[in-house]
Protein backbone atom coordinates (compact mmCIF):
# COMPACT_ATOMS: atom_id res chain seq x y z
CA UNK A 1 0.34 0.06 0.63
CA UNK A 2 1.69 3.13 -0.71
CA UNK A 3 -1.20 5.68 0.71
CA UNK A 4 -3.49 4.48 3.83
CA UNK A 5 -5.32 7.03 5.28
CA UNK A 6 -7.76 6.36 7.92
CA UNK A 7 -10.07 8.85 9.51
CA UNK A 8 -8.16 12.20 8.18
CA UNK A 9 -9.61 15.63 9.52
CA UNK A 10 -7.98 18.76 9.05
CA UNK A 11 -8.52 22.15 10.55
CA UNK A 12 -7.40 25.33 10.16
CA UNK A 13 -7.63 28.24 11.81
CA UNK A 14 -9.96 31.39 10.81
CA UNK A 15 -10.00 34.25 13.02
CA UNK A 16 -12.13 32.35 16.31
CA UNK A 17 -13.38 29.92 14.15
CA UNK A 18 -11.96 26.39 12.58
CA UNK A 19 -12.66 25.47 9.58
CA UNK A 20 -12.69 21.98 8.40
CA UNK A 21 -11.25 21.18 5.18
CA UNK A 22 -11.36 17.43 5.35
CA UNK A 23 -13.82 15.72 7.74
CA UNK A 24 -12.96 11.73 8.42
CA UNK A 25 -11.40 10.28 4.78
CA UNK A 26 -10.24 6.79 4.59
CA UNK A 27 -8.87 5.80 1.38
CA UNK A 28 -6.28 3.40 0.52
CA UNK A 29 -3.85 3.60 -2.74
CA UNK A 30 -2.16 0.57 -4.22
CA UNK A 31 1.18 0.99 -5.93
CA UNK A 32 0.46 2.53 -9.46
CA UNK A 33 -2.73 2.95 -9.39
CA UNK A 34 -4.50 5.63 -11.61
CA UNK A 35 -7.30 7.51 -9.54
CA UNK A 36 -9.35 10.90 -10.92
CA UNK A 37 -10.64 12.34 -8.09
CA UNK A 38 -13.25 15.08 -8.86
CA UNK A 39 -15.60 17.55 -6.60
CA UNK A 40 -16.43 21.24 -6.53
CA UNK A 41 -13.72 24.06 -5.82
CA UNK A 42 -13.39 24.05 -2.36
CA UNK A 43 -14.06 20.06 -1.66
CA UNK A 44 -10.86 19.64 -0.21
CA UNK A 45 -8.84 18.19 -2.92
CA UNK A 46 -5.90 20.73 -2.76
CA UNK A 47 -6.05 20.14 1.08
CA UNK A 48 -5.73 16.41 0.71
CA UNK A 49 -2.94 16.40 -2.14
CA UNK A 50 -0.65 18.65 0.25
CA UNK A 51 -1.63 15.67 3.17
CA UNK A 52 -0.24 13.43 0.73
CA UNK A 53 3.27 15.09 -0.13
CA UNK A 54 3.82 15.97 3.17
CA UNK A 55 3.30 19.47 3.42
CA UNK A 56 0.66 19.42 5.68
CA UNK A 57 -0.19 16.86 8.91
CA UNK A 58 -3.71 15.91 9.32
CA UNK A 59 -5.63 17.17 12.87
CA UNK A 60 -6.68 13.79 13.49
CA UNK A 61 -6.55 10.49 12.03
CA UNK A 62 -3.37 9.26 10.03
CA UNK A 63 -1.87 9.55 6.63
CA UNK A 64 0.49 6.67 6.36
CA UNK A 65 3.23 6.47 3.39
CA UNK A 66 4.41 3.66 2.25
CA UNK A 67 4.04 1.81 5.71
CA UNK A 68 5.62 5.39 7.37
CA UNK A 69 2.84 7.34 9.50
CA UNK A 70 3.89 11.31 8.16
CA UNK A 71 2.72 12.52 11.75
CA UNK A 72 5.62 10.76 13.24
CA UNK A 73 8.76 11.33 10.33
CA UNK A 74 11.27 13.67 11.09
CA UNK A 75 12.19 16.27 8.97
CA UNK A 76 15.00 14.36 7.49
CA UNK A 77 12.34 11.65 6.96
CA UNK A 78 9.44 14.11 5.51
CA UNK A 79 12.73 15.38 3.18
CA UNK A 80 12.68 12.19 2.01
CA UNK A 81 8.92 11.29 1.56
CA UNK A 82 8.93 14.16 -0.56
CA UNK A 83 11.47 13.21 -3.00
CA UNK A 84 8.80 10.08 -3.99
CA UNK A 85 6.13 12.41 -4.49
CA UNK A 86 5.68 14.90 -7.42
CA UNK A 87 3.50 17.25 -7.30
CA UNK A 88 1.73 19.04 -10.75
CA UNK A 89 0.13 22.43 -9.42
CA UNK A 90 -2.74 24.55 -11.33
CA UNK A 91 -0.57 27.46 -11.29
CA UNK A 92 2.67 26.01 -13.18
CA UNK A 93 5.38 27.65 -10.73
CA UNK A 94 7.84 27.90 -13.47
CA UNK A 95 10.98 30.26 -13.30
CA UNK A 96 9.93 32.35 -16.04
CA UNK A 97 13.30 33.71 -17.37
CA UNK A 98 15.24 30.23 -17.30
CA UNK A 99 15.03 28.11 -20.63
CA UNK A 100 12.21 24.67 -20.80
CA UNK A 101 15.74 22.50 -20.05
CA UNK A 102 16.52 24.76 -16.96
CA UNK A 103 13.25 24.44 -15.68
CA UNK A 104 13.10 20.82 -16.13
CA UNK A 105 16.92 20.45 -14.54
CA UNK A 106 14.90 22.68 -11.84
CA UNK A 107 13.09 19.02 -10.97
CA UNK A 108 16.42 17.60 -9.13
CA UNK A 109 16.06 20.31 -6.52
CA UNK A 110 14.61 17.72 -4.37
CA UNK A 111 16.85 15.28 -4.22
CA UNK A 112 19.89 17.49 -4.56
CA UNK A 113 21.02 20.27 -2.11
CA UNK A 114 20.42 23.46 -3.12
CA UNK A 115 23.90 24.59 -4.33
CA UNK A 116 24.00 21.39 -5.86
CA UNK A 117 21.03 22.09 -7.97
CA UNK A 118 21.78 25.56 -9.07
CA UNK A 119 25.20 24.13 -10.39
CA UNK A 120 23.46 21.37 -12.31
CA UNK A 121 20.94 23.57 -13.60
CA UNK A 122 23.68 25.86 -14.54
CA UNK A 123 26.85 23.94 -15.19
CA UNK A 124 24.32 20.62 -15.69
CA UNK A 125 26.44 17.01 -15.74
CA UNK A 126 26.13 15.07 -19.05
CA UNK A 127 24.38 12.49 -17.34
CA UNK A 128 21.78 15.16 -16.03
CA UNK A 129 21.32 17.02 -19.17
CA UNK A 130 20.29 13.44 -20.81
CA UNK A 131 17.96 12.63 -18.31
CA UNK A 132 15.87 16.16 -18.43
CA UNK A 133 16.41 15.64 -22.38
CA UNK A 134 14.70 12.45 -22.08
CA UNK A 135 11.70 14.23 -20.02
CA UNK A 136 10.91 16.69 -22.16
CA UNK A 137 10.65 14.08 -25.24
CA UNK A 138 8.38 12.52 -23.24
CA UNK A 139 6.00 15.25 -23.16
CA UNK A 140 6.87 16.05 -26.63
CA UNK A 141 9.07 19.73 -25.93
CA UNK A 142 12.09 18.27 -26.81
CA UNK A 143 12.49 21.12 -29.72
CA UNK A 144 11.48 23.70 -27.16
CA UNK A 145 14.54 23.08 -24.68
CA UNK A 146 15.94 26.61 -25.63
CA UNK A 147 12.92 28.79 -25.43
CA UNK A 148 12.30 30.25 -22.06
CA UNK A 149 9.18 29.48 -19.79
CA UNK A 150 7.77 32.40 -20.67
CA UNK A 151 7.34 32.41 -24.15
CA UNK A 152 5.77 28.88 -24.07
CA UNK A 153 1.80 29.05 -24.53
CA UNK A 154 -0.69 27.78 -21.60
CA UNK A 155 -1.17 24.26 -23.14
CA UNK A 156 3.50 23.95 -23.55
CA UNK A 157 4.25 25.27 -20.15
CA UNK A 158 1.89 22.88 -18.42
CA UNK A 159 3.67 20.07 -20.17
CA UNK A 160 6.69 21.32 -18.85
CA UNK A 161 5.57 21.48 -15.48
CA UNK A 162 5.10 17.78 -16.10
CA UNK A 163 8.36 17.12 -17.72
CA UNK A 164 10.10 18.98 -14.48
CA UNK A 165 8.15 16.14 -12.21
CA UNK A 166 9.17 13.37 -14.33
CA UNK A 167 13.32 14.99 -13.79
CA UNK A 168 12.25 13.95 -9.85
CA UNK A 169 11.99 10.68 -10.73
CA UNK A 170 8.93 10.18 -8.03
CA UNK A 171 7.51 7.09 -6.75
CA UNK A 172 3.54 8.84 -7.36
CA UNK A 173 2.22 11.81 -8.94
CA UNK A 174 -0.08 14.46 -7.62
CA UNK A 175 -1.96 16.37 -10.16
CA UNK A 176 -4.32 19.38 -9.01
CA UNK A 177 -5.97 20.33 -11.95
CA UNK A 178 -3.44 20.77 -14.03
CA UNK A 179 -6.16 21.09 -16.80
CA UNK A 180 -8.74 23.40 -15.35
CA UNK A 181 -7.02 26.41 -17.77
CA UNK A 182 -6.91 24.52 -20.64
CA UNK A 183 -9.39 24.44 -23.84
CA UNK A 184 -10.92 20.67 -23.80
CA UNK A 185 -8.63 19.70 -26.64
CA UNK A 186 -5.73 20.88 -24.63
CA UNK A 187 -7.09 19.37 -21.62
CA UNK A 188 -7.77 16.02 -22.99
CA UNK A 189 -4.19 15.66 -24.48
CA UNK A 190 -2.62 16.77 -20.91
CA UNK A 191 -4.48 13.98 -19.47
CA UNK A 192 -3.79 11.41 -21.71
CA UNK A 193 -0.16 12.53 -21.66
CA UNK A 194 0.15 12.21 -17.63
CA UNK A 195 -2.39 8.97 -17.41
CA UNK A 196 -0.04 7.18 -20.38
CA UNK A 197 3.29 8.40 -18.09
CA UNK A 198 2.14 6.77 -14.96
CA UNK A 199 1.23 3.68 -16.70
CA UNK A 200 4.14 3.53 -18.37
CA UNK A 201 6.91 4.32 -15.91
CA UNK A 202 4.20 2.52 -13.19
CA UNK A 203 3.87 5.44 -10.96
CA UNK A 204 1.02 5.63 -8.40
CA UNK A 205 -1.21 8.72 -10.33
CA UNK A 206 -3.84 10.68 -8.55
CA UNK A 207 -5.91 13.75 -10.11
CA UNK A 208 -8.01 16.03 -9.88
CA UNK A 209 -9.90 16.06 -12.70
CA UNK A 210 -12.66 19.01 -13.21
CA UNK A 211 -14.45 17.25 -16.37
CA UNK A 212 -16.35 13.66 -15.61
CA UNK A 213 -15.79 12.98 -19.17
CA UNK A 214 -11.63 12.72 -19.04
CA UNK A 215 -12.39 11.17 -15.39
CA UNK A 216 -14.51 8.59 -17.49
CA UNK A 217 -12.13 8.11 -20.14
CA UNK A 218 -8.75 8.08 -18.33
CA UNK A 219 -8.86 6.66 -14.95
CA UNK A 220 -9.93 3.13 -13.83
CA UNK A 221 -10.70 4.45 -10.06
CA UNK A 222 -12.89 7.77 -9.35
CA UNK A 223 -13.28 9.04 -6.03
CA UNK A 224 -15.52 12.13 -5.28
CA UNK A 225 -14.80 14.15 -2.66
CA UNK A 226 -17.45 16.42 -1.39
CA UNK A 227 -17.87 19.12 1.80
CA UNK A 228 -14.28 17.73 2.90
CA UNK A 229 -15.88 14.19 3.06
CA UNK A 230 -16.18 10.88 0.37
CA UNK A 231 -18.24 11.04 -1.35
CA UNK A 232 -17.75 7.93 -3.52
CA UNK A 233 -14.83 5.80 -4.91
CA UNK A 234 -15.75 3.35 -7.50
CA UNK A 235 -14.99 2.16 -11.00
CA UNK A 236 -16.15 4.30 -14.11
CA UNK A 237 -18.75 1.51 -14.91
CA UNK A 238 -20.30 2.35 -11.62
CA UNK A 239 -20.41 6.21 -11.64
CA UNK A 240 -23.53 6.84 -12.18
CA UNK A 241 -25.61 10.56 -12.60
CA UNK A 242 -27.36 10.40 -9.16
CA UNK A 243 -24.00 10.25 -7.84
CA UNK A 244 -22.56 13.28 -9.92
CA UNK A 245 -25.88 14.85 -9.03
CA UNK A 246 -24.99 14.50 -5.59
CA UNK A 247 -21.52 15.15 -5.51
CA UNK A 248 -22.09 18.71 -7.50
CA UNK A 249 -25.30 19.56 -5.80
CA UNK A 250 -25.57 22.92 -3.98
CA UNK A 251 -27.55 23.15 -1.86
CA UNK A 252 -29.03 19.90 -1.31
CA UNK A 253 -30.31 20.26 -5.12
CA UNK A 254 -28.55 19.76 -8.67
CA UNK A 255 -29.02 22.62 -10.64
CA UNK A 256 -28.47 23.60 -14.66
CA UNK A 257 -26.24 20.81 -16.72
CA UNK A 258 -25.49 19.34 -13.54
CA UNK A 259 -29.21 17.72 -13.21
CA UNK A 260 -29.63 13.82 -13.13
CA UNK A 261 -30.98 13.71 -17.23
CA UNK A 262 -28.10 15.44 -18.52
CA UNK A 263 -25.22 13.95 -16.31
CA UNK A 264 -26.74 10.43 -17.19
CA UNK A 265 -26.80 11.64 -20.89
CA UNK A 266 -22.90 13.01 -20.67
CA UNK A 267 -21.84 9.37 -18.80
CA UNK A 268 -23.49 7.82 -21.87
CA UNK A 269 -21.69 9.63 -24.15
CA UNK A 270 -18.17 9.36 -22.71
CA UNK A 271 -18.40 5.74 -22.37
């Protein structure tokens, strides 16, 4: 088991109140699984990812990574864990003035000291360049290796963020809605790319997806998160419109395009 979450709750202080981002989430993830995470904005997806990559610790419950409770890890233990978990965010977090190759080389930061990484970026070893070039080849950006990050299109920047994570050589890839700002064609391409890279590299992939059809087409397991609680955990064949209607309902009612009939139609088309 690469992840085992048991009754995980996360609270954040806000003035005199405690805001509950996650509430009693229990989830198990096997090595090499590809999971799509669905849910409205504010459902707790980003908080879940930050618990999974070790940048947050739960208020209650436990997050176990590869047999170790993250709450009990020392600082060095957390750093070792984070080297094994690569995260792709909706905001690319690239260095605009660096080239695509240099940004990719920055992916080694987690497994090197800061000084060593800087040296690797500006005076890279041959093996590091080869590794970075391979990562750029996998995401289709070899021809852009000398282009500055701020000269790339939004889709290219998102692929570059994926290349940087591949340079890290993680066991787990967490993708927090990386396609939310992309048009449908680019979103499909990016989702297919990440799913394929994870599958071919036998890496665990958990990706927050904002389009139901992308989850159905590319993932063998779909998890729904609503108001910090696990709503469902099913294979695509069991993902019914009623589950999605409840997941995306506002004030207890599904509205607009998210009514049951429309979702059933979309599910049928996607399948």
